[in-house]
Amino acid sequence: MPINRTEIIYLCTGALAGFFVAKNFDKFKEKAGPLNEKLGPLLETAAEAARDAYAAATRRVAERAEEMQDAAAAASTSAQE
């Protein structure tokens, strides 16, 4: 089953958001200043959730790609017979 446009948009948006947060994480922590003690665990939890979501999306894309390769191989095999 091919990946639809919505899934590609979600994957790209998540990748861009993850890149932005990872690149600017130190700045976020710096600006939080005194709130960092309270927000630190929350930010860490949010970062962990974002990493998990990105990993799940990446895994899903890889599974879909494998399904497409299997379908193409099956079609090729049946076409040769």
Protein backbone atom coordinates (compact mmCIF):
# COMPACT_ATOMS: atom_id res chain seq x y z
CA MET A 1 0.00 0.00 0.00
CA PRO A 2 1.61 3.30 -1.04
CA ILE A 3 2.18 6.22 1.27
CA ASN A 4 -0.44 8.91 0.77
CA ARG A 5 0.11 12.64 0.62
CA THR A 6 -1.11 13.27 4.17
CA GLU A 7 1.40 10.83 5.64
CA ILE A 8 4.23 12.47 3.71
CA ILE A 9 3.14 15.91 4.96
CA TYR A 10 3.02 14.67 8.57
CA LEU A 11 6.41 13.03 8.25
CA CYS A 12 8.04 16.12 6.74
CA THR A 13 6.41 18.44 9.27
CA GLY A 14 7.55 16.24 12.13
CA ALA A 15 11.07 16.05 10.74
CA LEU A 16 11.26 19.84 10.38
CA ALA A 17 9.85 20.41 13.87
CA GLY A 18 12.28 17.88 15.34
CA PHE A 19 15.20 19.49 13.53
CA PHE A 20 14.17 22.96 14.74
CA VAL A 21 13.77 21.86 18.35
CA ALA A 22 17.03 19.88 18.35
CA LYS A 23 18.96 22.78 16.82
CA ASN A 24 17.56 25.36 19.25
CA PHE A 25 17.11 23.26 22.40
CA ASP A 26 19.95 25.01 24.25
CA LYS A 27 18.43 28.40 23.44
CA PHE A 28 15.06 27.25 24.76
CA LYS A 29 16.65 26.06 28.00
CA GLU A 30 18.61 29.34 28.31
CA LYS A 31 15.53 31.52 27.81
CA ALA A 32 13.57 29.50 30.35
CA GLY A 33 16.07 30.63 33.01
CA PRO A 34 14.52 30.25 36.46
CA LEU A 35 11.58 28.32 35.05
CA ASN A 36 14.05 25.72 33.84
CA GLU A 37 13.80 23.85 37.14
CA LYS A 38 10.07 23.42 36.63
CA LEU A 39 10.07 23.17 32.85
CA GLY A 40 13.18 21.01 32.52
CA PRO A 41 11.47 17.68 33.18
CA LEU A 42 8.52 18.74 31.02
CA LEU A 43 10.79 19.70 28.13
CA GLU A 44 12.71 16.46 28.47
CA THR A 45 9.45 14.50 28.42
CA ALA A 46 8.26 16.44 25.37
CA ALA A 47 11.57 15.86 23.60
CA GLU A 48 11.37 12.15 24.37
CA ALA A 49 7.80 11.98 23.07
CA ALA A 50 8.85 13.79 19.89
CA ARG A 51 11.73 11.35 19.38
CA ASP A 52 9.38 8.41 19.88
CA ALA A 53 6.85 9.83 17.43
CA TYR A 54 9.55 10.47 14.84
CA ALA A 55 10.89 6.94 15.28
CA ALA A 56 7.39 5.50 14.87
CA ALA A 57 6.79 7.55 11.72
CA THR A 58 10.14 6.50 10.30
CA ARG A 59 9.38 2.87 11.08
CA ARG A 60 5.98 3.17 9.37
CA VAL A 61 7.52 4.68 6.24
CA ALA A 62 10.09 1.87 6.15
CA GLU A 63 7.34 -0.73 6.51
CA ARG A 64 5.35 0.87 3.69
CA ALA A 65 8.43 0.97 1.47
CA GLU A 66 9.06 -2.71 2.16
CA GLU A 67 5.42 -3.52 1.35
CA MET A 68 5.76 -1.67 -1.95
CA GLN A 69 8.97 -3.54 -2.79
CA ASP A 70 7.31 -6.87 -1.98
CA ALA A 71 4.30 -6.01 -4.14
CA ALA A 72 6.57 -4.97 -7.01
CA ALA A 73 8.56 -8.20 -6.70
CA ALA A 74 5.36 -10.26 -6.65
CA ALA A 75 4.02 -8.43 -9.70
CA SER A 76 7.31 -8.95 -11.50
CA THR A 77 7.30 -12.64 -10.66
CA SER A 78 3.71 -13.13 -11.80
CA ALA A 79 4.37 -11.19 -15.01
CA GLN A 80 7.28 -13.51 -15.87
CA GLU A 81 5.09 -16.62 -15.47
